C-alpha atoms as a PDB file:
ATOM      1  CA  MET A   1     100.245 108.290 105.190  1.00  0.00           C
ATOM      2  CA  GLY A   2      99.183 110.465 102.336  1.00  0.00           C
ATOM      3  CA  ALA A   3      96.266 110.188 100.020  1.00  0.00           C
ATOM      4  CA  TRP A   4      98.176 110.061  96.875  1.00  0.00           C
ATOM      5  CA  THR A   5      99.100 106.463  95.764  1.00  0.00           C
ATOM      6  CA  GLY A   6     102.615 107.469  95.160  1.00  0.00           C
ATOM      7  CA  ALA A   7     103.131 108.305  98.842  1.00  0.00           C
ATOM      8  CA  GLN A   8     101.452 105.286 100.058  1.00  0.00           C
ATOM      9  CA  ASN A   9     103.654 103.255  97.595  1.00  0.00           C
ATOM     10  CA  THR A  10     106.859 104.155  99.743  1.00  0.00           C
ATOM     11  CA  LYS A  11     105.425 103.123 103.273  1.00  0.00           C
ATOM     12  CA  GLY A  12     105.837  99.816 105.091  1.00  0.00           C
ATOM     13  CA  ARG A  13     107.694  97.084 103.342  1.00  0.00           C
ATOM     14  CA  ALA A  14     107.443  95.339 100.006  1.00  0.00           C
ATOM     15  CA  VAL A  15     105.628  91.824  99.862  1.00  0.00           C
ATOM     16  CA  ALA A  16     105.404  89.465  97.042  1.00  0.00           C
ATOM     17  CA  ILE A  17     101.993  89.494  95.436  1.00  0.00           C
ATOM     18  CA  GLY A  18     101.529  85.873  96.265  1.00  0.00           C
ATOM     19  CA  SER A  19     102.306  86.505  99.900  1.00  0.00           C
ATOM     20  CA  ARG A  20      99.661  89.317 100.400  1.00  0.00           C
ATOM     21  CA  LEU A  21      97.482  89.224 103.560  1.00  0.00           C
ATOM     22  CA  PRO A  22      94.251  90.894 104.709  1.00  0.00           C
ATOM     23  CA  GLY A  23      95.227  94.683 105.383  1.00  0.00           C
ATOM     24  CA  ASP A  24      98.067  94.846 102.806  1.00  0.00           C
ATOM     25  CA  LEU A  25      97.838  97.541 100.278  1.00  0.00           C
ATOM     26  CA  VAL A  26      97.829  96.358  96.703  1.00  0.00           C
ATOM     27  CA  PHE A  27      98.738  98.726  93.765  1.00  0.00           C
ATOM     28  CA  ARG A  28      98.183  98.691  89.960  1.00  0.00           C
ATOM     29  CA  GLY A  29      99.451 100.862  87.152  1.00  0.00           C
ATOM     30  CA  ARG A  30      97.654 102.394  84.325  1.00  0.00           C
ATOM     31  CA  SER A  31      98.668  99.548  81.908  1.00  0.00           C
ATOM     32  CA  ASP A  32     100.546  96.256  81.924  1.00  0.00           C
ATOM     33  CA  ASN A  33     103.640  98.180  80.544  1.00  0.00           C
ATOM     34  CA  ASP A  34     103.508 100.950  83.321  1.00  0.00           C
ATOM     35  CA  PRO A  35     106.749 100.830  85.371  1.00  0.00           C
ATOM     36  CA  ASP A  36     105.028 103.002  88.072  1.00  0.00           C
ATOM     37  CA  PRO A  37     102.356 100.772  89.790  1.00  0.00           C
ATOM     38  CA  THR A  38     100.753 103.765  91.582  1.00  0.00           C
ATOM     39  CA  ALA A  39      97.582 104.583  89.544  1.00  0.00           C
ATOM     40  CA  HIS A  40      95.302 102.853  91.972  1.00  0.00           C
ATOM     41  CA  VAL A  41      95.543 101.431  95.504  1.00  0.00           C
ATOM     42  CA  ALA A  42      93.153  99.021  97.230  1.00  0.00           C
ATOM     43  CA  ILE A  43      93.211  97.182 100.612  1.00  0.00           C
ATOM     44  CA  CYS A  44      93.560  93.319 100.521  1.00  0.00           C
ATOM     45  CA  LEU A  45      90.645  91.613 102.225  1.00  0.00           C
ATOM     46  CA  GLY A  46      91.770  88.104 101.628  1.00  0.00           C
ATOM     47  CA  GLY A  47      90.352  85.393  99.399  1.00  0.00           C
ATOM     48  CA  ASN A  48      91.125  87.491  96.183  1.00  0.00           C
ATOM     49  CA  LYS A  49      88.897  90.274  97.466  1.00  0.00           C
ATOM     50  CA  ILE A  50      89.815  94.036  97.774  1.00  0.00           C
ATOM     51  CA  LEU A  51      88.345  97.022  99.242  1.00  0.00           C
ATOM     52  CA  GLU A  52      88.611 100.065  96.883  1.00  0.00           C
ATOM     53  CA  ALA A  53      87.383 103.563  96.344  1.00  0.00           C
ATOM     54  CA  SER A  54      87.086 105.259  92.991  1.00  0.00           C
ATOM     55  CA  PRO A  55      84.627 107.381  90.898  1.00  0.00           C
ATOM     56  CA  PRO A  56      81.147 106.062  91.528  1.00  0.00           C
ATOM     57  CA  ARG A  57      79.896 103.076  89.395  1.00  0.00           C
ATOM     58  CA  ASN A  58      76.229 102.130  89.992  1.00  0.00           C
ATOM     59  CA  GLY A  59      76.279 104.869  92.737  1.00  0.00           C
ATOM     60  CA  GLN A  60      79.108 103.157  94.744  1.00  0.00           C
ATOM     61  CA  SER A  61      82.491 104.792  95.122  1.00  0.00           C
ATOM     62  CA  ILE A  62      83.586 102.374  97.853  1.00  0.00           C
ATOM     63  CA  ARG A  63      83.067  98.699  97.117  1.00  0.00           C
ATOM     64  CA  ILE A  64      84.486  95.231  97.515  1.00  0.00           C
ATOM     65  CA  SER A  65      85.838  93.783  94.216  1.00  0.00           C
ATOM     66  CA  ASP A  66      87.712  90.882  92.931  1.00  0.00           C
ATOM     67  CA  LEU A  67      91.391  91.346  92.898  1.00  0.00           C
ATOM     68  CA  HIS A  68      91.603  90.011  89.361  1.00  0.00           C
ATOM     69  CA  ASN A  69      88.529  91.797  87.722  1.00  0.00           C
ATOM     70  CA  HIS A  70      90.589  94.890  86.525  1.00  0.00           C
ATOM     71  CA  GLY A  71      92.229  95.287  82.981  1.00  0.00           C
ATOM     72  CA  THR A  72      95.529  96.003  84.746  1.00  0.00           C
ATOM     73  CA  PRO A  73      96.637  93.452  87.260  1.00  0.00           C
ATOM     74  CA  TYR A  74      97.647  94.525  90.680  1.00  0.00           C
ATOM     75  CA  SER A  75     101.355  94.040  90.723  1.00  0.00           C
ATOM     76  CA  LYS A  76     102.841  95.565  93.935  1.00  0.00           C
ATOM     77  CA  VAL A  77     102.044  94.890  97.545  1.00  0.00           C
ATOM     78  CA  ARG A  78     103.069  96.848 100.591  1.00  0.00           C
ATOM     79  CA  ARG A  79     102.651  95.839 104.295  1.00  0.00           C
ATOM     80  CA  ILE A  80     102.156  98.662 106.539  1.00  0.00           C
ATOM     81  CA  PHE A  81     101.673  96.863 109.829  1.00  0.00           C
ATOM     82  CA  GLY A  82     103.168  93.493 110.843  1.00  0.00           C
END
């Protein structure tokens, strides 16, 4: 699929943010005004939780986070399977 978020952003099909399901990819941009929401990608786990990888914080580079605990909201969803 590609490791760069831009490549992942073109796979599967678009899904409304409110219709996301576990396994969907969720994307956010660098800021609220960023028209390209490919700065970061995470996997939706359900219950407003995501699985994400990023530079280590507190020794953890892969972690479960809250979907809404980021300065820039996740604004795009892609469903790869289903």
